[in-house]
N, C-alpha and C. Protein backbone atom coordinates (compact mmCIF):
# COMPACT_ATOMS: atom_id res chain seq x y z
N MET A 1 0.85 -1.19 0.00
CA MET A 1 0.00 0.00 0.00
C MET A 1 0.88 1.25 0.00
N ASP A 2 0.48 2.25 -0.78
CA ASP A 2 1.24 3.49 -0.84
C ASP A 2 1.19 4.20 0.51
N SER A 3 2.26 4.92 0.83
CA SER A 3 2.28 5.72 2.04
C SER A 3 1.29 6.88 1.93
N ILE A 4 0.99 7.51 3.05
CA ILE A 4 0.08 8.67 3.04
C ILE A 4 0.67 9.78 2.17
N ALA A 5 1.97 9.98 2.29
CA ALA A 5 2.62 11.02 1.50
C ALA A 5 2.50 10.73 0.00
N GLU A 6 2.64 9.46 -0.38
CA GLU A 6 2.53 9.08 -1.78
C GLU A 6 1.11 9.30 -2.28
N GLN A 7 0.12 8.93 -1.47
CA GLN A 7 -1.27 9.13 -1.85
C GLN A 7 -1.58 10.62 -2.01
N LEU A 8 -1.10 11.44 -1.09
CA LEU A 8 -1.31 12.88 -1.17
C LEU A 8 -0.64 13.46 -2.42
N TYR A 9 0.56 12.98 -2.68
CA TYR A 9 1.27 13.45 -3.88
C TYR A 9 0.45 13.18 -5.12
N ARG A 10 -0.08 11.99 -5.25
CA ARG A 10 -0.86 11.63 -6.45
C ARG A 10 -2.13 12.47 -6.56
N ILE A 11 -2.79 12.69 -5.43
CA ILE A 11 -4.03 13.47 -5.46
C ILE A 11 -3.73 14.92 -5.85
N LEU A 12 -2.73 15.51 -5.22
CA LEU A 12 -2.40 16.91 -5.51
C LEU A 12 -1.85 17.08 -6.91
N CYS A 13 -1.06 16.11 -7.35
CA CYS A 13 -0.53 16.14 -8.72
C CYS A 13 -1.69 16.10 -9.72
N ASP A 14 -2.66 15.24 -9.47
CA ASP A 14 -3.81 15.14 -10.36
C ASP A 14 -4.61 16.44 -10.36
N ARG A 15 -4.76 17.06 -9.22
CA ARG A 15 -5.50 18.32 -9.15
C ARG A 15 -4.81 19.43 -9.94
N ILE A 16 -3.48 19.41 -9.91
CA ILE A 16 -2.74 20.42 -10.68
C ILE A 16 -2.83 20.14 -12.17
N THR A 17 -2.52 18.89 -12.55
CA THR A 17 -2.44 18.57 -13.98
C THR A 17 -3.81 18.48 -14.64
N SER A 18 -4.88 18.37 -13.84
CA SER A 18 -6.22 18.37 -14.42
C SER A 18 -6.80 19.77 -14.51
N GLY A 19 -6.08 20.74 -13.92
CA GLY A 19 -6.57 22.11 -13.95
C GLY A 19 -7.46 22.48 -12.79
N THR A 20 -7.70 21.53 -11.86
CA THR A 20 -8.52 21.85 -10.68
C THR A 20 -7.86 22.96 -9.88
N TYR A 21 -6.54 22.89 -9.73
CA TYR A 21 -5.77 23.98 -9.15
C TYR A 21 -5.17 24.77 -10.31
N ALA A 22 -5.55 26.00 -10.45
CA ALA A 22 -5.08 26.81 -11.58
C ALA A 22 -3.64 27.27 -11.37
N PRO A 23 -2.90 27.48 -12.47
CA PRO A 23 -1.55 28.04 -12.35
C PRO A 23 -1.57 29.33 -11.55
N GLY A 24 -0.64 29.44 -10.61
CA GLY A 24 -0.56 30.65 -9.79
C GLY A 24 -1.40 30.61 -8.53
N SER A 25 -2.28 29.61 -8.38
CA SER A 25 -3.13 29.55 -7.20
C SER A 25 -2.32 29.11 -5.97
N ARG A 26 -2.76 29.54 -4.81
CA ARG A 26 -2.04 29.26 -3.57
C ARG A 26 -2.42 27.89 -3.01
N LEU A 27 -1.43 27.17 -2.51
CA LEU A 27 -1.65 25.89 -1.85
C LEU A 27 -1.34 26.07 -0.37
N ASP A 28 -2.32 25.86 0.46
CA ASP A 28 -2.14 26.02 1.91
C ASP A 28 -1.90 24.65 2.54
N PRO A 29 -0.67 24.37 3.00
CA PRO A 29 -0.37 23.05 3.58
C PRO A 29 -1.28 22.70 4.75
N GLN A 30 -1.62 23.70 5.56
CA GLN A 30 -2.49 23.44 6.71
C GLN A 30 -3.88 23.04 6.26
N ALA A 31 -4.37 23.68 5.20
CA ALA A 31 -5.70 23.34 4.68
C ALA A 31 -5.70 21.94 4.08
N VAL A 32 -4.60 21.57 3.41
CA VAL A 32 -4.49 20.22 2.84
C VAL A 32 -4.49 19.19 3.96
N ALA A 33 -3.72 19.44 5.01
CA ALA A 33 -3.68 18.52 6.14
C ALA A 33 -5.06 18.36 6.77
N ALA A 34 -5.78 19.49 6.90
CA ALA A 34 -7.11 19.44 7.50
C ALA A 34 -8.10 18.70 6.60
N GLU A 35 -8.00 18.91 5.28
CA GLU A 35 -8.92 18.26 4.35
C GLU A 35 -8.82 16.74 4.43
N PHE A 36 -7.59 16.24 4.56
CA PHE A 36 -7.39 14.79 4.53
C PHE A 36 -7.22 14.18 5.92
N GLY A 37 -7.26 15.03 6.94
CA GLY A 37 -7.17 14.52 8.30
C GLY A 37 -5.83 13.88 8.61
N VAL A 38 -4.75 14.51 8.13
CA VAL A 38 -3.40 13.97 8.34
C VAL A 38 -2.53 15.03 8.99
N SER A 39 -1.37 14.61 9.44
CA SER A 39 -0.42 15.55 10.04
C SER A 39 0.29 16.35 8.95
N ARG A 40 1.03 17.33 9.36
CA ARG A 40 1.74 18.18 8.39
C ARG A 40 2.90 17.44 7.73
N THR A 41 3.42 16.39 8.37
CA THR A 41 4.60 15.70 7.84
C THR A 41 4.38 15.10 6.45
N PRO A 42 3.35 14.26 6.24
CA PRO A 42 3.15 13.72 4.88
C PRO A 42 2.79 14.81 3.87
N VAL A 43 2.15 15.89 4.32
CA VAL A 43 1.86 17.00 3.42
C VAL A 43 3.16 17.64 2.95
N ARG A 44 4.07 17.87 3.88
CA ARG A 44 5.37 18.45 3.51
C ARG A 44 6.12 17.54 2.53
N GLU A 45 6.05 16.22 2.76
CA GLU A 45 6.73 15.28 1.88
C GLU A 45 6.12 15.31 0.47
N ALA A 46 4.79 15.37 0.41
CA ALA A 46 4.12 15.42 -0.90
C ALA A 46 4.45 16.71 -1.63
N LEU A 47 4.44 17.82 -0.90
CA LEU A 47 4.75 19.11 -1.53
C LEU A 47 6.21 19.18 -1.99
N ALA A 48 7.10 18.53 -1.24
CA ALA A 48 8.51 18.50 -1.64
C ALA A 48 8.66 17.79 -2.98
N ARG A 49 7.91 16.70 -3.18
CA ARG A 49 7.97 15.99 -4.47
C ARG A 49 7.40 16.83 -5.60
N LEU A 50 6.29 17.52 -5.32
CA LEU A 50 5.69 18.38 -6.34
C LEU A 50 6.63 19.51 -6.73
N GLU A 51 7.38 20.00 -5.73
CA GLU A 51 8.33 21.07 -6.03
C GLU A 51 9.50 20.52 -6.85
N LEU A 52 9.91 19.29 -6.55
CA LEU A 52 10.96 18.65 -7.33
C LEU A 52 10.52 18.47 -8.78
N ASP A 53 9.23 18.17 -8.98
CA ASP A 53 8.66 18.04 -10.32
C ASP A 53 8.44 19.40 -10.98
N GLN A 54 8.67 20.47 -10.21
CA GLN A 54 8.49 21.85 -10.69
C GLN A 54 7.03 22.16 -11.04
N LEU A 55 6.12 21.50 -10.31
CA LEU A 55 4.70 21.79 -10.47
C LEU A 55 4.23 22.83 -9.48
N ILE A 56 5.00 23.04 -8.39
CA ILE A 56 4.70 24.10 -7.44
C ILE A 56 5.97 24.86 -7.11
N VAL A 57 5.81 26.05 -6.57
CA VAL A 57 6.96 26.85 -6.12
C VAL A 57 6.66 27.39 -4.73
N THR A 58 7.69 27.47 -3.90
CA THR A 58 7.55 28.04 -2.57
C THR A 58 8.32 29.35 -2.53
N ARG A 59 7.62 30.40 -2.12
CA ARG A 59 8.24 31.72 -2.04
C ARG A 59 8.36 32.12 -0.57
N PRO A 60 9.58 32.49 -0.16
CA PRO A 60 9.79 32.87 1.24
C PRO A 60 8.82 33.98 1.67
N ARG A 61 8.19 33.77 2.83
CA ARG A 61 7.27 34.72 3.44
C ARG A 61 6.01 34.97 2.62
N SER A 62 5.82 34.17 1.55
CA SER A 62 4.61 34.33 0.74
C SER A 62 3.76 33.07 0.76
N GLY A 63 4.40 31.91 0.64
CA GLY A 63 3.65 30.67 0.64
C GLY A 63 3.99 29.76 -0.52
N THR A 64 3.15 28.77 -0.73
CA THR A 64 3.35 27.78 -1.78
C THR A 64 2.28 27.96 -2.85
N PHE A 65 2.72 27.97 -4.10
CA PHE A 65 1.81 28.25 -5.21
C PHE A 65 2.00 27.24 -6.34
N VAL A 66 0.91 26.99 -7.07
CA VAL A 66 1.01 26.19 -8.29
C VAL A 66 1.86 26.99 -9.28
N ALA A 67 2.80 26.32 -9.93
CA ALA A 67 3.70 27.00 -10.86
C ALA A 67 2.94 27.50 -12.09
N ARG A 68 3.55 28.45 -12.75
CA ARG A 68 3.04 28.91 -14.04
C ARG A 68 4.03 28.41 -15.10
N PRO A 69 3.65 27.42 -15.90
CA PRO A 69 4.60 26.88 -16.88
C PRO A 69 5.01 27.94 -17.89
N GLY A 70 6.29 27.93 -18.23
CA GLY A 70 6.80 28.90 -19.19
C GLY A 70 7.56 28.23 -20.31
N ILE A 71 8.07 29.05 -21.22
CA ILE A 71 8.79 28.52 -22.38
C ILE A 71 10.04 27.77 -21.97
N THR A 72 10.73 28.24 -20.94
CA THR A 72 11.93 27.53 -20.47
C THR A 72 11.57 26.12 -20.02
N ASP A 73 10.43 25.98 -19.35
CA ASP A 73 9.99 24.65 -18.91
C ASP A 73 9.76 23.73 -20.10
N VAL A 74 9.13 24.28 -21.15
CA VAL A 74 8.86 23.49 -22.36
C VAL A 74 10.17 23.01 -22.97
N HIS A 75 11.13 23.92 -23.12
CA HIS A 75 12.43 23.54 -23.69
C HIS A 75 13.08 22.43 -22.86
N GLU A 76 13.10 22.62 -21.54
CA GLU A 76 13.79 21.66 -20.68
C GLU A 76 13.13 20.28 -20.72
N VAL A 77 11.80 20.25 -20.63
CA VAL A 77 11.09 18.96 -20.63
C VAL A 77 11.24 18.26 -21.97
N CYS A 78 11.09 19.01 -23.06
CA CYS A 78 11.20 18.39 -24.39
C CYS A 78 12.62 17.90 -24.67
N GLN A 79 13.62 18.65 -24.22
CA GLN A 79 15.00 18.21 -24.42
C GLN A 79 15.30 16.96 -23.61
N LEU A 80 14.76 16.90 -22.38
CA LEU A 80 14.95 15.70 -21.56
C LEU A 80 14.26 14.51 -22.21
N ARG A 81 13.02 14.70 -22.67
CA ARG A 81 12.30 13.62 -23.34
C ARG A 81 13.05 13.17 -24.59
N LYS A 82 13.58 14.11 -25.35
CA LYS A 82 14.27 13.75 -26.59
C LYS A 82 15.48 12.86 -26.30
N GLY A 83 16.25 13.25 -25.28
CA GLY A 83 17.42 12.44 -24.93
C GLY A 83 17.04 11.03 -24.51
N ILE A 84 16.02 10.93 -23.65
CA ILE A 84 15.59 9.63 -23.15
C ILE A 84 14.99 8.79 -24.28
N GLU A 85 14.09 9.41 -25.05
CA GLU A 85 13.33 8.63 -26.03
C GLU A 85 14.15 8.29 -27.28
N TRP A 86 15.18 9.08 -27.57
CA TRP A 86 16.06 8.72 -28.69
C TRP A 86 16.76 7.40 -28.36
N VAL A 87 17.29 7.31 -27.14
CA VAL A 87 17.94 6.07 -26.71
C VAL A 87 16.93 4.94 -26.64
N ALA A 88 15.78 5.21 -26.03
CA ALA A 88 14.77 4.16 -25.83
C ALA A 88 14.24 3.63 -27.16
N THR A 89 14.04 4.51 -28.13
CA THR A 89 13.51 4.08 -29.42
C THR A 89 14.50 3.15 -30.12
N GLY A 90 15.78 3.43 -29.98
CA GLY A 90 16.79 2.56 -30.58
C GLY A 90 16.75 1.17 -29.99
N ILE A 91 16.57 1.10 -28.67
CA ILE A 91 16.51 -0.20 -28.00
C ILE A 91 15.21 -0.93 -28.37
N ALA A 92 14.11 -0.17 -28.34
CA ALA A 92 12.79 -0.78 -28.64
C ALA A 92 12.72 -1.27 -30.07
N ALA A 93 13.40 -0.57 -30.99
CA ALA A 93 13.38 -0.98 -32.40
C ALA A 93 14.02 -2.35 -32.58
N ARG A 94 14.88 -2.71 -31.67
CA ARG A 94 15.53 -4.01 -31.76
C ARG A 94 14.80 -5.09 -30.97
N SER A 95 14.01 -4.67 -29.96
CA SER A 95 13.51 -5.67 -29.02
C SER A 95 12.00 -5.76 -28.86
N MET A 96 11.25 -4.71 -29.22
CA MET A 96 9.81 -4.76 -28.98
C MET A 96 9.17 -5.79 -29.91
N PRO A 97 8.31 -6.65 -29.38
CA PRO A 97 7.65 -7.65 -30.23
C PRO A 97 6.85 -6.99 -31.35
N LEU A 98 6.86 -7.63 -32.53
CA LEU A 98 6.16 -7.06 -33.69
C LEU A 98 4.66 -6.94 -33.44
N GLU A 99 4.09 -7.88 -32.67
CA GLU A 99 2.66 -7.80 -32.38
C GLU A 99 2.33 -6.54 -31.58
N GLN A 100 3.22 -6.19 -30.65
CA GLN A 100 3.01 -4.98 -29.85
C GLN A 100 3.11 -3.73 -30.71
N ILE A 101 4.08 -3.72 -31.61
CA ILE A 101 4.23 -2.58 -32.53
C ILE A 101 2.98 -2.44 -33.40
N ALA A 102 2.49 -3.55 -33.91
CA ALA A 102 1.29 -3.53 -34.76
C ALA A 102 0.08 -3.03 -33.98
N ASP A 103 -0.02 -3.41 -32.72
CA ASP A 103 -1.14 -2.98 -31.88
C ASP A 103 -1.08 -1.47 -31.63
N LEU A 104 0.11 -0.97 -31.35
CA LEU A 104 0.27 0.47 -31.14
C LEU A 104 -0.06 1.25 -32.42
N ARG A 105 0.33 0.67 -33.56
CA ARG A 105 0.05 1.34 -34.84
C ARG A 105 -1.45 1.40 -35.11
N ALA A 106 -2.13 0.28 -34.89
CA ALA A 106 -3.58 0.24 -35.12
C ALA A 106 -4.29 1.23 -34.21
N GLU A 107 -3.84 1.32 -32.99
CA GLU A 107 -4.45 2.25 -32.04
C GLU A 107 -4.23 3.71 -32.48
N ALA A 108 -3.03 4.01 -32.99
CA ALA A 108 -2.73 5.37 -33.46
C ALA A 108 -3.61 5.75 -34.64
N VAL A 109 -3.80 4.82 -35.56
CA VAL A 109 -4.65 5.09 -36.74
C VAL A 109 -6.09 5.32 -36.30
N GLU A 110 -6.59 4.47 -35.40
CA GLU A 110 -7.96 4.62 -34.90
C GLU A 110 -8.13 5.94 -34.15
N ALA A 111 -7.12 6.31 -33.37
CA ALA A 111 -7.20 7.56 -32.60
C ALA A 111 -7.28 8.77 -33.53
N LEU A 112 -6.54 8.74 -34.65
CA LEU A 112 -6.60 9.84 -35.61
C LEU A 112 -7.99 9.93 -36.22
N ALA A 113 -8.57 8.78 -36.56
CA ALA A 113 -9.92 8.78 -37.13
C ALA A 113 -10.93 9.36 -36.15
N ARG A 114 -10.77 9.02 -34.88
CA ARG A 114 -11.69 9.55 -33.87
C ARG A 114 -11.49 11.06 -33.69
N ALA A 115 -10.23 11.51 -33.76
CA ALA A 115 -9.94 12.94 -33.62
C ALA A 115 -10.57 13.73 -34.75
N GLU A 116 -10.56 13.15 -35.95
CA GLU A 116 -11.16 13.83 -37.11
C GLU A 116 -12.67 13.97 -36.96
N GLN A 117 -13.25 13.18 -36.04
CA GLN A 117 -14.68 13.27 -35.74
C GLN A 117 -14.94 14.15 -34.52
N GLY A 118 -13.85 14.74 -33.96
CA GLY A 118 -13.99 15.64 -32.83
C GLY A 118 -13.75 15.03 -31.47
N ASP A 119 -13.35 13.75 -31.42
CA ASP A 119 -13.07 13.07 -30.15
C ASP A 119 -11.56 12.94 -30.00
N TYR A 120 -10.97 13.76 -29.12
CA TYR A 120 -9.51 13.83 -29.02
C TYR A 120 -8.91 12.95 -27.94
N GLU A 121 -9.74 12.48 -27.01
CA GLU A 121 -9.21 11.68 -25.90
C GLU A 121 -8.48 10.41 -26.36
N PRO A 122 -9.00 9.68 -27.38
CA PRO A 122 -8.26 8.49 -27.83
C PRO A 122 -6.84 8.82 -28.29
N PHE A 123 -6.66 10.00 -28.90
CA PHE A 123 -5.31 10.38 -29.31
C PHE A 123 -4.40 10.56 -28.10
N PHE A 124 -4.90 11.26 -27.08
CA PHE A 124 -4.07 11.49 -25.89
C PHE A 124 -3.69 10.17 -25.24
N ALA A 125 -4.65 9.23 -25.19
CA ALA A 125 -4.37 7.92 -24.60
C ALA A 125 -3.36 7.15 -25.44
N SER A 126 -3.54 7.18 -26.77
CA SER A 126 -2.63 6.49 -27.67
C SER A 126 -1.23 7.09 -27.61
N ASP A 127 -1.16 8.41 -27.59
CA ASP A 127 0.12 9.11 -27.54
C ASP A 127 0.88 8.74 -26.27
N SER A 128 0.18 8.79 -25.15
CA SER A 128 0.82 8.47 -23.87
C SER A 128 1.28 7.01 -23.84
N ARG A 129 0.43 6.10 -24.33
CA ARG A 129 0.78 4.68 -24.32
C ARG A 129 1.99 4.41 -25.20
N LEU A 130 2.01 5.00 -26.39
CA LEU A 130 3.11 4.76 -27.32
C LEU A 130 4.45 5.16 -26.70
N HIS A 131 4.51 6.38 -26.19
CA HIS A 131 5.78 6.86 -25.63
C HIS A 131 6.19 6.05 -24.40
N ASN A 132 5.21 5.74 -23.54
CA ASN A 132 5.54 5.00 -22.33
C ASN A 132 5.97 3.57 -22.63
N GLU A 133 5.32 2.93 -23.61
CA GLU A 133 5.69 1.54 -23.91
C GLU A 133 7.03 1.44 -24.62
N ILE A 134 7.37 2.45 -25.40
CA ILE A 134 8.70 2.45 -26.02
C ILE A 134 9.78 2.53 -24.94
N VAL A 135 9.57 3.40 -23.96
CA VAL A 135 10.56 3.51 -22.88
C VAL A 135 10.55 2.26 -22.02
N ALA A 136 9.36 1.73 -21.73
CA ALA A 136 9.27 0.52 -20.91
C ALA A 136 9.97 -0.66 -21.57
N ALA A 137 9.98 -0.68 -22.92
CA ALA A 137 10.59 -1.80 -23.65
C ALA A 137 12.09 -1.89 -23.42
N THR A 138 12.69 -0.80 -22.92
CA THR A 138 14.13 -0.84 -22.65
C THR A 138 14.45 -1.72 -21.45
N GLY A 139 13.49 -1.85 -20.53
CA GLY A 139 13.76 -2.58 -19.30
C GLY A 139 14.73 -1.85 -18.39
N ASN A 140 15.02 -0.59 -18.70
CA ASN A 140 15.99 0.21 -17.93
C ASN A 140 15.23 1.03 -16.89
N ALA A 141 15.32 0.63 -15.63
CA ALA A 141 14.54 1.27 -14.57
C ALA A 141 14.86 2.75 -14.45
N ARG A 142 16.11 3.14 -14.68
CA ARG A 142 16.48 4.55 -14.55
C ARG A 142 15.89 5.38 -15.68
N LEU A 143 15.92 4.84 -16.89
CA LEU A 143 15.29 5.54 -18.02
C LEU A 143 13.79 5.69 -17.79
N ILE A 144 13.17 4.62 -17.33
CA ILE A 144 11.73 4.63 -17.10
C ILE A 144 11.37 5.67 -16.04
N ARG A 145 12.15 5.70 -14.97
CA ARG A 145 11.88 6.66 -13.88
C ARG A 145 12.08 8.09 -14.36
N ALA A 146 13.14 8.33 -15.14
CA ALA A 146 13.39 9.68 -15.64
C ALA A 146 12.28 10.13 -16.58
N ARG A 147 11.82 9.22 -17.44
CA ARG A 147 10.73 9.57 -18.37
C ARG A 147 9.43 9.83 -17.61
N SER A 148 9.15 9.04 -16.58
CA SER A 148 7.90 9.20 -15.84
C SER A 148 7.87 10.54 -15.10
N SER A 149 9.06 11.08 -14.79
CA SER A 149 9.10 12.36 -14.08
C SER A 149 8.60 13.51 -14.95
N THR A 150 8.61 13.32 -16.28
CA THR A 150 8.13 14.38 -17.18
C THR A 150 6.63 14.26 -17.46
N GLU A 151 6.03 13.12 -17.13
CA GLU A 151 4.64 12.87 -17.52
C GLU A 151 3.65 13.87 -16.93
N PRO A 152 3.77 14.22 -15.62
CA PRO A 152 2.80 15.20 -15.09
C PRO A 152 2.83 16.52 -15.85
N PHE A 153 4.02 17.00 -16.21
CA PHE A 153 4.11 18.27 -16.93
C PHE A 153 3.49 18.16 -18.32
N VAL A 154 3.74 17.04 -19.00
CA VAL A 154 3.16 16.84 -20.33
C VAL A 154 1.64 16.82 -20.25
N GLN A 155 1.09 16.10 -19.26
CA GLN A 155 -0.36 16.04 -19.10
C GLN A 155 -0.92 17.42 -18.76
N TRP A 156 -0.21 18.16 -17.95
CA TRP A 156 -0.64 19.49 -17.53
C TRP A 156 -0.76 20.42 -18.73
N LEU A 157 0.25 20.40 -19.61
CA LEU A 157 0.20 21.25 -20.79
C LEU A 157 -0.99 20.91 -21.68
N ARG A 158 -1.32 19.63 -21.76
CA ARG A 158 -2.47 19.24 -22.58
C ARG A 158 -3.75 19.88 -22.05
N VAL A 159 -3.90 19.85 -20.72
CA VAL A 159 -5.09 20.44 -20.11
C VAL A 159 -5.12 21.94 -20.32
N LEU A 160 -3.95 22.57 -20.24
CA LEU A 160 -3.87 24.02 -20.39
C LEU A 160 -4.05 24.47 -21.84
N GLY A 161 -3.93 23.52 -22.79
CA GLY A 161 -4.22 23.89 -24.17
C GLY A 161 -3.26 23.39 -25.22
N ALA A 162 -2.19 22.70 -24.83
CA ALA A 162 -1.25 22.20 -25.83
C ALA A 162 -1.82 20.97 -26.53
N THR A 163 -1.18 20.59 -27.63
CA THR A 163 -1.58 19.42 -28.41
C THR A 163 -3.04 19.52 -28.82
N GLY A 164 -3.39 20.64 -29.40
CA GLY A 164 -4.74 20.83 -29.89
C GLY A 164 -4.99 20.04 -31.15
N PRO A 165 -6.22 20.09 -31.68
CA PRO A 165 -6.58 19.29 -32.85
C PRO A 165 -5.72 19.59 -34.07
N HIS A 166 -5.20 20.82 -34.16
CA HIS A 166 -4.38 21.18 -35.31
C HIS A 166 -3.01 20.53 -35.27
N ARG A 167 -2.63 19.91 -34.12
CA ARG A 167 -1.34 19.25 -34.01
C ARG A 167 -1.44 17.73 -34.12
N ILE A 168 -2.63 17.21 -33.97
CA ILE A 168 -2.79 15.76 -33.85
C ILE A 168 -2.38 15.01 -35.12
N ALA A 169 -2.75 15.53 -36.29
CA ALA A 169 -2.39 14.85 -37.54
C ALA A 169 -0.88 14.77 -37.70
N GLY A 170 -0.18 15.87 -37.38
CA GLY A 170 1.28 15.88 -37.49
C GLY A 170 1.93 14.90 -36.54
N SER A 171 1.44 14.86 -35.31
CA SER A 171 2.00 13.92 -34.33
C SER A 171 1.74 12.48 -34.74
N THR A 172 0.53 12.21 -35.24
CA THR A 172 0.21 10.84 -35.66
C THR A 172 1.11 10.41 -36.82
N ARG A 173 1.37 11.31 -37.75
CA ARG A 173 2.24 10.98 -38.87
C ARG A 173 3.62 10.55 -38.37
N ARG A 174 4.15 11.27 -37.39
CA ARG A 174 5.46 10.90 -36.82
C ARG A 174 5.37 9.59 -36.05
N HIS A 175 4.28 9.41 -35.31
CA HIS A 175 4.12 8.15 -34.57
C HIS A 175 4.18 6.96 -35.53
N LEU A 176 3.50 7.07 -36.66
CA LEU A 176 3.48 5.97 -37.63
C LEU A 176 4.85 5.76 -38.24
N GLN A 177 5.59 6.85 -38.48
CA GLN A 177 6.95 6.71 -39.01
C GLN A 177 7.84 5.96 -38.02
N ILE A 178 7.70 6.32 -36.74
CA ILE A 178 8.49 5.65 -35.69
C ILE A 178 8.15 4.16 -35.66
N LEU A 179 6.87 3.86 -35.61
CA LEU A 179 6.43 2.47 -35.50
C LEU A 179 6.77 1.65 -36.74
N ASP A 180 6.63 2.25 -37.92
CA ASP A 180 6.96 1.52 -39.15
C ASP A 180 8.45 1.21 -39.21
N ALA A 181 9.28 2.16 -38.77
CA ALA A 181 10.73 1.91 -38.75
C ALA A 181 11.07 0.84 -37.72
N MET A 182 10.38 0.86 -36.58
CA MET A 182 10.60 -0.17 -35.57
C MET A 182 10.21 -1.54 -36.10
N ALA A 183 9.08 -1.59 -36.81
CA ALA A 183 8.62 -2.87 -37.35
C ALA A 183 9.61 -3.42 -38.36
N ALA A 184 10.30 -2.51 -39.07
CA ALA A 184 11.32 -2.92 -40.05
C ALA A 184 12.66 -3.19 -39.39
N ARG A 185 12.72 -2.99 -38.07
CA ARG A 185 13.97 -3.14 -37.29
C ARG A 185 15.05 -2.18 -37.81
N ASP A 186 14.59 -0.99 -38.26
CA ASP A 186 15.51 0.04 -38.74
C ASP A 186 15.75 1.02 -37.61
N THR A 187 16.75 0.73 -36.81
CA THR A 187 17.04 1.53 -35.62
C THR A 187 17.30 2.99 -35.95
N THR A 188 18.11 3.23 -36.96
CA THR A 188 18.48 4.61 -37.32
C THR A 188 17.25 5.42 -37.71
N ALA A 189 16.41 4.87 -38.58
CA ALA A 189 15.21 5.59 -39.02
C ALA A 189 14.25 5.84 -37.87
N ALA A 190 14.12 4.86 -36.98
CA ALA A 190 13.22 5.02 -35.83
C ALA A 190 13.71 6.14 -34.92
N GLN A 191 15.01 6.16 -34.66
CA GLN A 191 15.56 7.20 -33.79
C GLN A 191 15.45 8.58 -34.44
N GLU A 192 15.68 8.65 -35.74
CA GLU A 192 15.57 9.93 -36.44
C GLU A 192 14.14 10.45 -36.39
N ALA A 193 13.17 9.57 -36.59
CA ALA A 193 11.77 9.99 -36.55
C ALA A 193 11.38 10.43 -35.14
N ALA A 194 11.89 9.74 -34.12
CA ALA A 194 11.60 10.12 -32.73
C ALA A 194 12.18 11.48 -32.41
N ALA A 195 13.40 11.74 -32.88
CA ALA A 195 14.04 13.04 -32.62
C ALA A 195 13.29 14.17 -33.30
N VAL A 196 12.88 13.97 -34.54
CA VAL A 196 12.12 14.99 -35.27
C VAL A 196 10.79 15.24 -34.57
N HIS A 197 10.14 14.17 -34.15
CA HIS A 197 8.85 14.28 -33.47
C HIS A 197 8.96 15.15 -32.22
N LEU A 198 9.96 14.89 -31.37
CA LEU A 198 10.09 15.67 -30.14
C LEU A 198 10.50 17.11 -30.43
N ASP A 199 11.28 17.32 -31.48
CA ASP A 199 11.61 18.69 -31.88
C ASP A 199 10.34 19.44 -32.32
N GLU A 200 9.49 18.75 -33.06
CA GLU A 200 8.25 19.38 -33.51
C GLU A 200 7.31 19.69 -32.34
N VAL A 201 7.21 18.75 -31.41
CA VAL A 201 6.38 18.97 -30.24
C VAL A 201 6.86 20.21 -29.48
N GLU A 202 8.18 20.32 -29.32
CA GLU A 202 8.75 21.48 -28.64
C GLU A 202 8.41 22.77 -29.39
N GLU A 203 8.60 22.75 -30.70
CA GLU A 203 8.33 23.93 -31.53
C GLU A 203 6.86 24.33 -31.46
N TRP A 204 5.97 23.35 -31.60
CA TRP A 204 4.54 23.63 -31.59
C TRP A 204 4.09 24.16 -30.23
N THR A 205 4.60 23.57 -29.16
CA THR A 205 4.17 23.97 -27.82
C THR A 205 4.62 25.39 -27.51
N VAL A 206 5.86 25.71 -27.88
CA VAL A 206 6.34 27.08 -27.68
C VAL A 206 5.50 28.07 -28.48
N ALA A 207 5.18 27.70 -29.73
CA ALA A 207 4.35 28.59 -30.57
C ALA A 207 2.98 28.80 -29.94
N ASP A 208 2.38 27.72 -29.41
CA ASP A 208 1.08 27.84 -28.77
C ASP A 208 1.16 28.71 -27.51
N MET A 209 2.26 28.58 -26.78
CA MET A 209 2.42 29.36 -25.56
C MET A 209 2.59 30.84 -25.90
N GLU A 210 3.36 31.11 -26.93
CA GLU A 210 3.59 32.50 -27.34
C GLU A 210 2.32 33.15 -27.89
N SER A 211 1.48 32.33 -28.51
CA SER A 211 0.23 32.85 -29.08
C SER A 211 -0.91 32.87 -28.06
N LYS A 212 -0.59 32.44 -26.81
CA LYS A 212 -1.57 32.37 -25.72
C LYS A 212 -2.61 31.28 -25.92
N ALA A 213 -2.33 30.33 -26.83
CA ALA A 213 -3.23 29.18 -27.00
C ALA A 213 -3.15 28.29 -25.77
N ILE A 214 -2.03 28.39 -25.03
CA ILE A 214 -1.89 27.68 -23.77
C ILE A 214 -2.14 28.68 -22.65
N ALA A 215 -3.12 28.39 -21.81
CA ALA A 215 -3.47 29.29 -20.72
C ALA A 215 -2.53 29.07 -19.54
N THR A 216 -1.78 30.09 -19.16
CA THR A 216 -0.86 29.97 -18.02
C THR A 216 -1.08 31.10 -17.03
């Protein structure tokens, strides 16, 4: 069973990344402790993890606040993902079972069709599964842990407005290139497609942030 601090971390992380707690809003540790009927210690531990994830900030003599994501955050997260996923894609291209690759591809195609009908959730689920399963295929616990540390921020940006319908077709095209190269066991092509994909995601997200399409 997860510790109280771990449970609090997951609940508060979900509230931030779902938009329940808006960027810039104040988090009162005492109120959190009172809401869940716990001591201040697990609350402090949960908040310390959220601060490590850069989802909250603590200002001396002011308090604790939900962070406001900025362009620097986008660059840093995308560059970290690119480094991790370039390596992971190379490993997965050699080791992921062909049936799994085919399943991911079919799901990506179906998600695009659903998005064209105005239903975007299947794309978000497919996108998250594809990236996570490629990293998981490495069997490298450190890579997996490093990649998972970026997931809350990626989900948060989606809620705030990134990865809109105008980006889905482009992302799906890259996903299919990655998967097709993996199915062909072409490590170089798979890694190149993954690198281009993450560069595009970074470029698109920054453009959306600058145009205020992402609410921060």
